[in-house]
Amino acid sequence: MDNHSIKEIFLEDNTLITSKTDLKGRITYGNQDFIKYGEYSEKEFLNKPHNLIRHPKMPKAAFKLLWETLHQKKEFFAFVCNLSKHNHCYWVFANITPSFDELGNVIGYYSVRRRPSKEGVATMQDFYQKLLDIEKSSNMDKSFEFALDFLKTNQLNWDSFMIDLQNKGKEGGYR
């Protein structure tokens, strides 16, 4: 992909991008903001893998952490760079939660994305680049280990790390 053709766009203050997926990560619902920022029609994205909007600057290790967390029936928070159909990138602060049936079985996933904080995006751009560099020079498992070691060394929990980065920038979102 030619990064020179990618234009960055910014979410508005009141943006709430929501989507639902099945257990395999295929999109079963996307709201109007999902359509607006993803630039795909409902017909184009329904039943497609959610990674349809994945930006190549996102490390695979971030999604390994996402799926490991969701498989534990826990919610997950992250700063994510997405890529629209027309090569527009846009950063979001994402919260992904499992959806349960009446028996407590996970039946899908629900994601809500908001405008991210400037500090969160700046921090995670650098962090994700380190993970990508490790993935290129070694592999995804080494990248994942690096992320876990970073959290352990800094005595951080992933979700609280993400939420703290988002809260630090509440006065001025990412633009």
N, C-alpha and C. Protein backbone atom coordinates (compact mmCIF):
# COMPACT_ATOMS: atom_id res chain seq x y z
N MET A 1 0.85 -1.20 0.00
CA MET A 1 0.00 0.00 0.00
C MET A 1 0.88 1.24 0.00
N ASP A 2 0.57 2.19 -0.78
CA ASP A 2 1.31 3.43 -0.89
C ASP A 2 0.86 4.39 0.20
N ASN A 3 1.72 4.61 1.21
CA ASN A 3 1.35 5.48 2.33
C ASN A 3 1.20 6.94 1.92
N HIS A 4 1.75 7.31 0.75
CA HIS A 4 1.61 8.70 0.31
C HIS A 4 0.18 9.01 -0.13
N SER A 5 -0.57 7.99 -0.47
CA SER A 5 -1.94 8.20 -0.92
C SER A 5 -2.94 8.16 0.24
N ILE A 6 -2.44 7.93 1.45
CA ILE A 6 -3.32 7.85 2.60
C ILE A 6 -3.49 9.23 3.23
N LYS A 7 -4.71 9.64 3.39
CA LYS A 7 -5.04 10.93 4.00
C LYS A 7 -5.63 10.67 5.38
N GLU A 8 -5.21 11.42 6.37
CA GLU A 8 -5.76 11.24 7.72
C GLU A 8 -6.99 12.11 7.91
N ILE A 9 -8.02 11.51 8.49
CA ILE A 9 -9.23 12.25 8.85
C ILE A 9 -9.42 12.11 10.36
N PHE A 10 -10.20 13.01 10.93
CA PHE A 10 -10.35 13.06 12.39
C PHE A 10 -11.81 12.95 12.78
N LEU A 11 -12.05 12.19 13.82
CA LEU A 11 -13.41 12.04 14.33
C LEU A 11 -13.87 13.33 14.99
N GLU A 12 -15.17 13.56 14.92
CA GLU A 12 -15.77 14.72 15.59
C GLU A 12 -16.00 14.36 17.06
N ASP A 13 -16.21 15.39 17.89
CA ASP A 13 -16.41 15.17 19.33
C ASP A 13 -17.52 14.19 19.64
N ASN A 14 -18.61 14.27 18.90
CA ASN A 14 -19.79 13.46 19.21
C ASN A 14 -19.84 12.13 18.44
N THR A 15 -18.75 11.77 17.78
CA THR A 15 -18.73 10.53 17.00
C THR A 15 -18.79 9.31 17.92
N LEU A 16 -19.64 8.39 17.54
CA LEU A 16 -19.74 7.10 18.22
C LEU A 16 -19.87 6.03 17.15
N ILE A 17 -18.74 5.46 16.78
CA ILE A 17 -18.73 4.41 15.76
C ILE A 17 -19.05 3.10 16.48
N THR A 18 -20.11 2.44 16.06
CA THR A 18 -20.44 1.16 16.69
C THR A 18 -20.56 0.08 15.62
N SER A 19 -20.18 -1.12 16.03
CA SER A 19 -20.33 -2.27 15.17
C SER A 19 -20.48 -3.52 16.02
N LYS A 20 -21.03 -4.55 15.40
CA LYS A 20 -21.16 -5.85 16.05
C LYS A 20 -20.55 -6.88 15.12
N THR A 21 -19.96 -7.92 15.72
CA THR A 21 -19.43 -9.03 14.92
C THR A 21 -19.90 -10.34 15.52
N ASP A 22 -19.79 -11.38 14.69
CA ASP A 22 -20.06 -12.72 15.19
C ASP A 22 -18.79 -13.24 15.88
N LEU A 23 -18.79 -14.49 16.28
CA LEU A 23 -17.66 -15.06 17.01
C LEU A 23 -16.39 -15.14 16.17
N LYS A 24 -16.52 -15.11 14.86
CA LYS A 24 -15.37 -15.18 13.96
C LYS A 24 -14.87 -13.79 13.56
N GLY A 25 -15.51 -12.72 14.08
CA GLY A 25 -15.09 -11.37 13.74
C GLY A 25 -15.69 -10.84 12.46
N ARG A 26 -16.74 -11.48 11.96
CA ARG A 26 -17.43 -10.98 10.76
C ARG A 26 -18.47 -9.95 11.18
N ILE A 27 -18.54 -8.86 10.46
CA ILE A 27 -19.41 -7.74 10.81
C ILE A 27 -20.88 -8.12 10.58
N THR A 28 -21.68 -7.93 11.63
CA THR A 28 -23.12 -8.18 11.54
C THR A 28 -23.92 -6.89 11.65
N TYR A 29 -23.26 -5.80 12.05
CA TYR A 29 -23.94 -4.50 12.18
C TYR A 29 -22.89 -3.40 12.19
N GLY A 30 -23.21 -2.29 11.57
CA GLY A 30 -22.40 -1.07 11.65
C GLY A 30 -23.33 0.12 11.58
N ASN A 31 -23.13 1.08 12.47
CA ASN A 31 -24.03 2.24 12.49
C ASN A 31 -23.62 3.28 11.42
N GLN A 32 -24.31 4.41 11.40
CA GLN A 32 -24.05 5.43 10.39
C GLN A 32 -22.64 6.00 10.48
N ASP A 33 -22.10 6.14 11.70
CA ASP A 33 -20.72 6.61 11.83
C ASP A 33 -19.73 5.57 11.30
N PHE A 34 -20.05 4.29 11.47
CA PHE A 34 -19.21 3.23 10.90
C PHE A 34 -19.17 3.38 9.38
N ILE A 35 -20.31 3.64 8.79
CA ILE A 35 -20.41 3.84 7.34
C ILE A 35 -19.67 5.12 6.93
N LYS A 36 -19.88 6.19 7.68
CA LYS A 36 -19.27 7.48 7.35
C LYS A 36 -17.74 7.40 7.34
N TYR A 37 -17.15 6.85 8.41
CA TYR A 37 -15.69 6.84 8.51
C TYR A 37 -15.05 5.68 7.75
N GLY A 38 -15.72 4.54 7.69
CA GLY A 38 -15.19 3.40 6.96
C GLY A 38 -15.36 3.54 5.45
N GLU A 39 -16.34 4.35 5.06
CA GLU A 39 -16.63 4.61 3.65
C GLU A 39 -17.05 3.36 2.87
N TYR A 40 -17.59 2.39 3.60
CA TYR A 40 -18.17 1.20 2.97
C TYR A 40 -19.67 1.26 3.16
N SER A 41 -20.41 0.82 2.17
CA SER A 41 -21.86 0.70 2.33
C SER A 41 -22.13 -0.53 3.19
N GLU A 42 -23.33 -0.58 3.73
CA GLU A 42 -23.71 -1.73 4.54
C GLU A 42 -23.57 -3.02 3.74
N LYS A 43 -23.97 -2.98 2.51
CA LYS A 43 -23.88 -4.16 1.64
C LYS A 43 -22.42 -4.61 1.49
N GLU A 44 -21.50 -3.65 1.46
CA GLU A 44 -20.08 -3.97 1.27
C GLU A 44 -19.43 -4.54 2.52
N PHE A 45 -19.92 -4.18 3.72
CA PHE A 45 -19.23 -4.66 4.93
C PHE A 45 -19.94 -5.79 5.67
N LEU A 46 -21.24 -5.97 5.48
CA LEU A 46 -21.93 -7.03 6.23
C LEU A 46 -21.35 -8.40 5.89
N ASN A 47 -21.13 -9.17 6.94
CA ASN A 47 -20.57 -10.53 6.86
C ASN A 47 -19.13 -10.58 6.37
N LYS A 48 -18.47 -9.43 6.33
CA LYS A 48 -17.04 -9.38 5.99
C LYS A 48 -16.24 -9.35 7.30
N PRO A 49 -14.99 -9.80 7.26
CA PRO A 49 -14.15 -9.72 8.47
C PRO A 49 -13.96 -8.27 8.90
N HIS A 50 -13.97 -8.03 10.22
CA HIS A 50 -13.81 -6.67 10.73
C HIS A 50 -12.46 -6.09 10.34
N ASN A 51 -11.48 -6.97 10.06
CA ASN A 51 -10.17 -6.44 9.66
C ASN A 51 -10.20 -5.79 8.28
N LEU A 52 -11.38 -5.71 7.69
CA LEU A 52 -11.61 -4.96 6.45
C LEU A 52 -11.09 -3.53 6.60
N ILE A 53 -11.18 -2.97 7.81
CA ILE A 53 -10.76 -1.58 8.04
C ILE A 53 -9.41 -1.49 8.77
N ARG A 54 -8.69 -2.59 8.86
CA ARG A 54 -7.41 -2.58 9.56
C ARG A 54 -6.36 -1.83 8.76
N HIS A 55 -5.67 -0.94 9.43
CA HIS A 55 -4.58 -0.19 8.81
C HIS A 55 -3.30 -1.01 8.93
N PRO A 56 -2.45 -0.98 7.89
CA PRO A 56 -1.21 -1.76 7.95
C PRO A 56 -0.24 -1.30 9.05
N LYS A 57 -0.46 -0.11 9.63
CA LYS A 57 0.43 0.33 10.71
C LYS A 57 0.01 -0.25 12.07
N MET A 58 -1.00 -1.10 12.06
CA MET A 58 -1.42 -1.77 13.30
C MET A 58 -0.69 -3.12 13.42
N PRO A 59 0.01 -3.32 14.54
CA PRO A 59 0.73 -4.59 14.71
C PRO A 59 -0.22 -5.75 15.01
N LYS A 60 0.16 -6.92 14.52
CA LYS A 60 -0.63 -8.12 14.76
C LYS A 60 -0.72 -8.44 16.25
N ALA A 61 0.32 -8.11 17.00
CA ALA A 61 0.34 -8.39 18.44
C ALA A 61 -0.80 -7.69 19.17
N ALA A 62 -1.20 -6.52 18.70
CA ALA A 62 -2.32 -5.79 19.34
C ALA A 62 -3.61 -6.60 19.22
N PHE A 63 -3.79 -7.25 18.09
CA PHE A 63 -5.02 -8.03 17.89
C PHE A 63 -4.95 -9.39 18.59
N LYS A 64 -3.74 -9.90 18.78
CA LYS A 64 -3.58 -11.12 19.59
C LYS A 64 -4.03 -10.81 21.03
N LEU A 65 -3.60 -9.66 21.54
CA LEU A 65 -4.00 -9.25 22.90
C LEU A 65 -5.52 -9.06 22.97
N LEU A 66 -6.09 -8.44 21.95
CA LEU A 66 -7.54 -8.25 21.88
C LEU A 66 -8.26 -9.59 21.99
N TRP A 67 -7.89 -10.54 21.12
CA TRP A 67 -8.60 -11.82 21.08
C TRP A 67 -8.38 -12.64 22.35
N GLU A 68 -7.18 -12.58 22.92
CA GLU A 68 -6.94 -13.30 24.18
C GLU A 68 -7.83 -12.74 25.30
N THR A 69 -7.99 -11.43 25.30
CA THR A 69 -8.83 -10.79 26.32
C THR A 69 -10.30 -11.16 26.10
N LEU A 70 -10.77 -11.07 24.87
CA LEU A 70 -12.17 -11.39 24.58
C LEU A 70 -12.49 -12.86 24.87
N HIS A 71 -11.55 -13.74 24.61
CA HIS A 71 -11.78 -15.17 24.88
C HIS A 71 -11.87 -15.46 26.38
N GLN A 72 -11.41 -14.51 27.20
CA GLN A 72 -11.57 -14.62 28.66
C GLN A 72 -12.88 -13.97 29.12
N LYS A 73 -13.71 -13.58 28.15
CA LYS A 73 -15.01 -12.94 28.39
C LYS A 73 -14.85 -11.57 29.08
N LYS A 74 -13.75 -10.88 28.77
CA LYS A 74 -13.47 -9.56 29.33
C LYS A 74 -13.55 -8.50 28.23
N GLU A 75 -13.81 -7.26 28.63
CA GLU A 75 -13.81 -6.17 27.66
C GLU A 75 -12.37 -5.74 27.39
N PHE A 76 -12.19 -5.02 26.30
CA PHE A 76 -10.86 -4.62 25.85
C PHE A 76 -10.91 -3.18 25.39
N PHE A 77 -9.88 -2.41 25.74
CA PHE A 77 -9.74 -1.02 25.32
C PHE A 77 -8.45 -0.87 24.52
N ALA A 78 -8.47 -0.02 23.50
CA ALA A 78 -7.25 0.22 22.73
C ALA A 78 -7.40 1.45 21.84
N PHE A 79 -6.27 2.00 21.51
CA PHE A 79 -6.19 3.02 20.47
C PHE A 79 -5.91 2.25 19.18
N VAL A 80 -6.70 2.52 18.16
CA VAL A 80 -6.59 1.77 16.91
C VAL A 80 -6.60 2.73 15.73
N CYS A 81 -5.71 2.47 14.79
CA CYS A 81 -5.73 3.22 13.54
C CYS A 81 -6.44 2.37 12.50
N ASN A 82 -7.49 2.90 11.94
CA ASN A 82 -8.28 2.22 10.91
C ASN A 82 -8.00 2.84 9.55
N LEU A 83 -8.36 2.10 8.51
CA LEU A 83 -8.19 2.57 7.14
C LEU A 83 -9.52 2.42 6.41
N SER A 84 -9.99 3.51 5.83
CA SER A 84 -11.26 3.48 5.11
C SER A 84 -11.09 2.89 3.72
N LYS A 85 -12.19 2.66 3.09
CA LYS A 85 -12.22 2.14 1.72
C LYS A 85 -11.42 3.03 0.76
N HIS A 86 -11.45 4.35 1.00
CA HIS A 86 -10.80 5.30 0.10
C HIS A 86 -9.45 5.79 0.64
N ASN A 87 -8.78 4.94 1.42
CA ASN A 87 -7.44 5.23 1.95
C ASN A 87 -7.38 6.43 2.89
N HIS A 88 -8.40 6.63 3.69
CA HIS A 88 -8.36 7.62 4.75
C HIS A 88 -8.08 6.88 6.04
N CYS A 89 -7.06 7.31 6.77
CA CYS A 89 -6.81 6.66 8.06
C CYS A 89 -7.47 7.52 9.14
N TYR A 90 -7.90 6.85 10.18
CA TYR A 90 -8.52 7.57 11.29
C TYR A 90 -8.29 6.78 12.58
N TRP A 91 -7.84 7.50 13.61
CA TRP A 91 -7.58 6.91 14.91
C TRP A 91 -8.85 6.92 15.74
N VAL A 92 -9.02 5.86 16.52
CA VAL A 92 -10.17 5.75 17.41
C VAL A 92 -9.70 5.24 18.78
N PHE A 93 -10.50 5.55 19.79
CA PHE A 93 -10.35 4.90 21.09
C PHE A 93 -11.47 3.88 21.15
N ALA A 94 -11.09 2.60 21.15
CA ALA A 94 -12.06 1.51 21.02
C ALA A 94 -12.30 0.79 22.33
N ASN A 95 -13.55 0.39 22.53
CA ASN A 95 -13.95 -0.47 23.63
C ASN A 95 -14.73 -1.63 23.00
N ILE A 96 -14.19 -2.84 23.16
CA ILE A 96 -14.82 -4.02 22.58
C ILE A 96 -15.26 -4.92 23.72
N THR A 97 -16.51 -5.36 23.67
CA THR A 97 -17.05 -6.21 24.73
C THR A 97 -17.71 -7.45 24.13
N PRO A 98 -17.63 -8.56 24.85
CA PRO A 98 -18.37 -9.73 24.41
C PRO A 98 -19.86 -9.50 24.60
N SER A 99 -20.68 -10.07 23.72
CA SER A 99 -22.14 -10.09 23.87
C SER A 99 -22.52 -11.50 24.32
N PHE A 100 -23.41 -11.57 25.30
CA PHE A 100 -23.78 -12.85 25.89
C PHE A 100 -25.24 -13.20 25.62
N ASP A 101 -25.53 -14.50 25.56
CA ASP A 101 -26.93 -14.93 25.52
C ASP A 101 -27.42 -15.11 26.96
N GLU A 102 -28.66 -15.54 27.11
CA GLU A 102 -29.26 -15.65 28.45
C GLU A 102 -28.59 -16.72 29.32
N LEU A 103 -27.79 -17.60 28.71
CA LEU A 103 -27.08 -18.64 29.47
C LEU A 103 -25.64 -18.24 29.80
N GLY A 104 -25.25 -17.04 29.38
CA GLY A 104 -23.89 -16.57 29.65
C GLY A 104 -22.87 -16.98 28.60
N ASN A 105 -23.33 -17.51 27.49
CA ASN A 105 -22.43 -17.87 26.39
C ASN A 105 -22.15 -16.65 25.52
N VAL A 106 -20.91 -16.51 25.09
CA VAL A 106 -20.56 -15.42 24.19
C VAL A 106 -21.14 -15.74 22.81
N ILE A 107 -21.90 -14.76 22.28
CA ILE A 107 -22.54 -14.96 20.97
C ILE A 107 -22.03 -13.97 19.91
N GLY A 108 -21.16 -13.06 20.32
CA GLY A 108 -20.61 -12.08 19.40
C GLY A 108 -19.88 -11.01 20.18
N TYR A 109 -19.54 -9.94 19.47
CA TYR A 109 -18.78 -8.84 20.08
C TYR A 109 -19.36 -7.51 19.64
N TYR A 110 -19.29 -6.55 20.54
CA TYR A 110 -19.83 -5.21 20.32
C TYR A 110 -18.69 -4.22 20.51
N SER A 111 -18.52 -3.33 19.58
CA SER A 111 -17.43 -2.36 19.65
C SER A 111 -17.97 -0.94 19.52
N VAL A 112 -17.46 -0.07 20.39
CA VAL A 112 -17.79 1.35 20.36
C VAL A 112 -16.48 2.11 20.26
N ARG A 113 -16.39 3.02 19.29
CA ARG A 113 -15.19 3.82 19.10
C ARG A 113 -15.53 5.30 19.19
N ARG A 114 -14.64 6.01 19.89
CA ARG A 114 -14.78 7.45 20.09
C ARG A 114 -13.54 8.16 19.59
N ARG A 115 -13.62 9.48 19.59
CA ARG A 115 -12.45 10.28 19.24
C ARG A 115 -11.37 10.05 20.30
N PRO A 116 -10.17 9.73 19.88
CA PRO A 116 -9.10 9.46 20.84
C PRO A 116 -8.40 10.73 21.32
N SER A 117 -7.69 10.61 22.44
CA SER A 117 -6.90 11.74 22.93
C SER A 117 -5.62 11.87 22.12
N LYS A 118 -5.10 13.09 22.03
CA LYS A 118 -3.85 13.34 21.32
C LYS A 118 -2.71 12.56 21.96
N GLU A 119 -2.65 12.60 23.28
CA GLU A 119 -1.57 11.92 24.00
C GLU A 119 -1.63 10.41 23.76
N GLY A 120 -2.83 9.87 23.77
CA GLY A 120 -2.97 8.43 23.53
C GLY A 120 -2.50 8.03 22.16
N VAL A 121 -2.88 8.80 21.14
CA VAL A 121 -2.46 8.48 19.78
C VAL A 121 -0.94 8.60 19.65
N ALA A 122 -0.36 9.68 20.18
CA ALA A 122 1.08 9.87 20.08
C ALA A 122 1.84 8.73 20.77
N THR A 123 1.40 8.38 21.95
CA THR A 123 2.04 7.29 22.70
C THR A 123 1.92 5.97 21.96
N MET A 124 0.73 5.68 21.48
CA MET A 124 0.50 4.38 20.85
C MET A 124 1.10 4.30 19.44
N GLN A 125 1.23 5.41 18.75
CA GLN A 125 1.92 5.38 17.45
C GLN A 125 3.34 4.88 17.65
N ASP A 126 4.02 5.43 18.65
CA ASP A 126 5.40 5.02 18.93
C ASP A 126 5.45 3.57 19.38
N PHE A 127 4.54 3.20 20.28
CA PHE A 127 4.52 1.83 20.82
C PHE A 127 4.22 0.82 19.70
N TYR A 128 3.22 1.12 18.88
CA TYR A 128 2.87 0.21 17.79
C TYR A 128 4.01 0.10 16.78
N GLN A 129 4.72 1.20 16.54
CA GLN A 129 5.85 1.13 15.60
C GLN A 129 6.92 0.19 16.13
N LYS A 130 7.18 0.21 17.45
CA LYS A 130 8.13 -0.73 18.03
C LYS A 130 7.66 -2.17 17.81
N LEU A 131 6.38 -2.41 18.03
CA LEU A 131 5.84 -3.75 17.83
C LEU A 131 5.96 -4.17 16.36
N LEU A 132 5.66 -3.26 15.45
CA LEU A 132 5.78 -3.56 14.02
C LEU A 132 7.23 -3.87 13.63
N ASP A 133 8.16 -3.09 14.18
CA ASP A 133 9.58 -3.33 13.90
C ASP A 133 10.00 -4.73 14.36
N ILE A 134 9.53 -5.13 15.54
CA ILE A 134 9.84 -6.47 16.06
C ILE A 134 9.19 -7.53 15.17
N GLU A 135 7.95 -7.29 14.75
CA GLU A 135 7.27 -8.25 13.88
C GLU A 135 8.01 -8.42 12.56
N LYS A 136 8.56 -7.32 12.04
CA LYS A 136 9.29 -7.40 10.77
C LYS A 136 10.64 -8.09 10.94
N SER A 137 11.34 -7.80 12.04
CA SER A 137 12.67 -8.37 12.23
C SER A 137 12.63 -9.77 12.83
N SER A 138 11.56 -10.10 13.51
CA SER A 138 11.47 -11.41 14.16
C SER A 138 10.13 -12.05 13.81
N ASN A 139 9.14 -11.89 14.72
CA ASN A 139 7.81 -12.43 14.44
C ASN A 139 6.79 -11.84 15.41
N MET A 140 5.54 -12.18 15.20
CA MET A 140 4.46 -11.63 16.02
C MET A 140 4.58 -12.06 17.48
N ASP A 141 5.01 -13.29 17.73
CA ASP A 141 5.14 -13.76 19.12
C ASP A 141 6.16 -12.93 19.90
N LYS A 142 7.26 -12.57 19.27
CA LYS A 142 8.27 -11.73 19.93
C LYS A 142 7.71 -10.33 20.20
N SER A 143 6.93 -9.84 19.27
CA SER A 143 6.28 -8.54 19.43
C SER A 143 5.31 -8.58 20.62
N PHE A 144 4.54 -9.65 20.69
CA PHE A 144 3.58 -9.84 21.78
C PHE A 144 4.31 -9.92 23.12
N GLU A 145 5.42 -10.67 23.16
CA GLU A 145 6.23 -10.77 24.38
C GLU A 145 6.74 -9.40 24.80
N PHE A 146 7.19 -8.60 23.82
CA PHE A 146 7.67 -7.26 24.11
C PHE A 146 6.58 -6.44 24.79
N ALA A 147 5.36 -6.51 24.26
CA ALA A 147 4.24 -5.76 24.82
C ALA A 147 3.96 -6.19 26.26
N LEU A 148 3.93 -7.50 26.49
CA LEU A 148 3.69 -8.00 27.85
C LEU A 148 4.81 -7.61 28.80
N ASP A 149 6.06 -7.67 28.34
CA ASP A 149 7.19 -7.26 29.17
C ASP A 149 7.12 -5.78 29.50
N PHE A 150 6.72 -4.97 28.52
CA PHE A 150 6.57 -3.53 28.75
C PHE A 150 5.56 -3.28 29.88
N LEU A 151 4.42 -3.95 29.82
CA LEU A 151 3.40 -3.78 30.85
C LEU A 151 3.92 -4.22 32.21
N LYS A 152 4.58 -5.36 32.26
CA LYS A 152 5.10 -5.90 33.52
C LYS A 152 6.17 -4.98 34.11
N THR A 153 7.11 -4.56 33.27
CA THR A 153 8.20 -3.69 33.71
C THR A 153 7.67 -2.37 34.28
N ASN A 154 6.64 -1.85 33.66
CA ASN A 154 6.06 -0.57 34.09
C ASN A 154 4.90 -0.73 35.05
N GLN A 155 4.68 -1.97 35.49
CA GLN A 155 3.60 -2.30 36.43
C GLN A 155 2.26 -1.73 35.96
N LEU A 156 1.96 -2.05 34.71
CA LEU A 156 0.73 -1.54 34.08
C LEU A 156 -0.20 -2.69 33.73
N ASN A 157 -1.45 -2.40 33.77
CA ASN A 157 -2.50 -3.26 33.24
C ASN A 157 -2.91 -2.61 31.92
N TRP A 158 -3.08 -3.42 30.86
CA TRP A 158 -3.36 -2.86 29.54
C TRP A 158 -4.56 -1.90 29.55
N ASP A 159 -5.69 -2.35 30.11
CA ASP A 159 -6.90 -1.52 30.06
C ASP A 159 -6.72 -0.22 30.82
N SER A 160 -6.12 -0.27 32.00
CA SER A 160 -5.95 0.98 32.76
C SER A 160 -4.95 1.90 32.05
N PHE A 161 -3.95 1.32 31.40
CA PHE A 161 -2.99 2.10 30.60
C PHE A 161 -3.73 2.84 29.49
N MET A 162 -4.61 2.14 28.77
CA MET A 162 -5.38 2.74 27.68
C MET A 162 -6.33 3.83 28.20
N ILE A 163 -7.05 3.51 29.27
CA ILE A 163 -8.03 4.47 29.82
C ILE A 163 -7.32 5.71 30.35
N ASP A 164 -6.17 5.52 31.01
CA ASP A 164 -5.41 6.68 31.49
C ASP A 164 -4.96 7.57 30.34
N LEU A 165 -4.48 6.95 29.25
CA LEU A 165 -4.07 7.75 28.09
C LEU A 165 -5.26 8.51 27.50
N GLN A 166 -6.41 7.88 27.47
CA GLN A 166 -7.60 8.56 26.93
C GLN A 166 -8.03 9.69 27.85
N ASN A 167 -8.02 9.46 29.14
CA ASN A 167 -8.47 10.49 30.09
C ASN A 167 -7.53 11.68 30.16
N LYS A 168 -6.24 11.48 29.92
CA LYS A 168 -5.28 12.59 29.94
C LYS A 168 -5.57 13.61 28.86
N GLY A 169 -6.23 13.19 27.83
CA GLY A 169 -6.48 14.10 26.71
C GLY A 169 -7.91 14.54 26.57
N LYS A 170 -8.72 14.40 27.61
CA LYS A 170 -10.14 14.75 27.49
C LYS A 170 -10.35 16.20 27.11
N GLU A 171 -9.45 17.07 27.53
CA GLU A 171 -9.65 18.50 27.21
C GLU A 171 -9.52 18.76 25.72
N GLY A 172 -8.63 18.02 25.07
CA GLY A 172 -8.42 18.25 23.64
C GLY A 172 -8.24 16.94 22.92
N GLY A 173 -9.23 16.52 22.21
CA GLY A 173 -9.15 15.26 21.48
C GLY A 173 -8.20 15.37 20.30
N TYR A 174 -7.97 14.25 19.70
CA TYR A 174 -7.04 14.14 18.58
C TYR A 174 -7.61 14.83 17.34
N ARG A 175 -6.87 15.78 16.83
CA ARG A 175 -7.25 16.49 15.59
C ARG A 175 -6.02 16.70 14.75
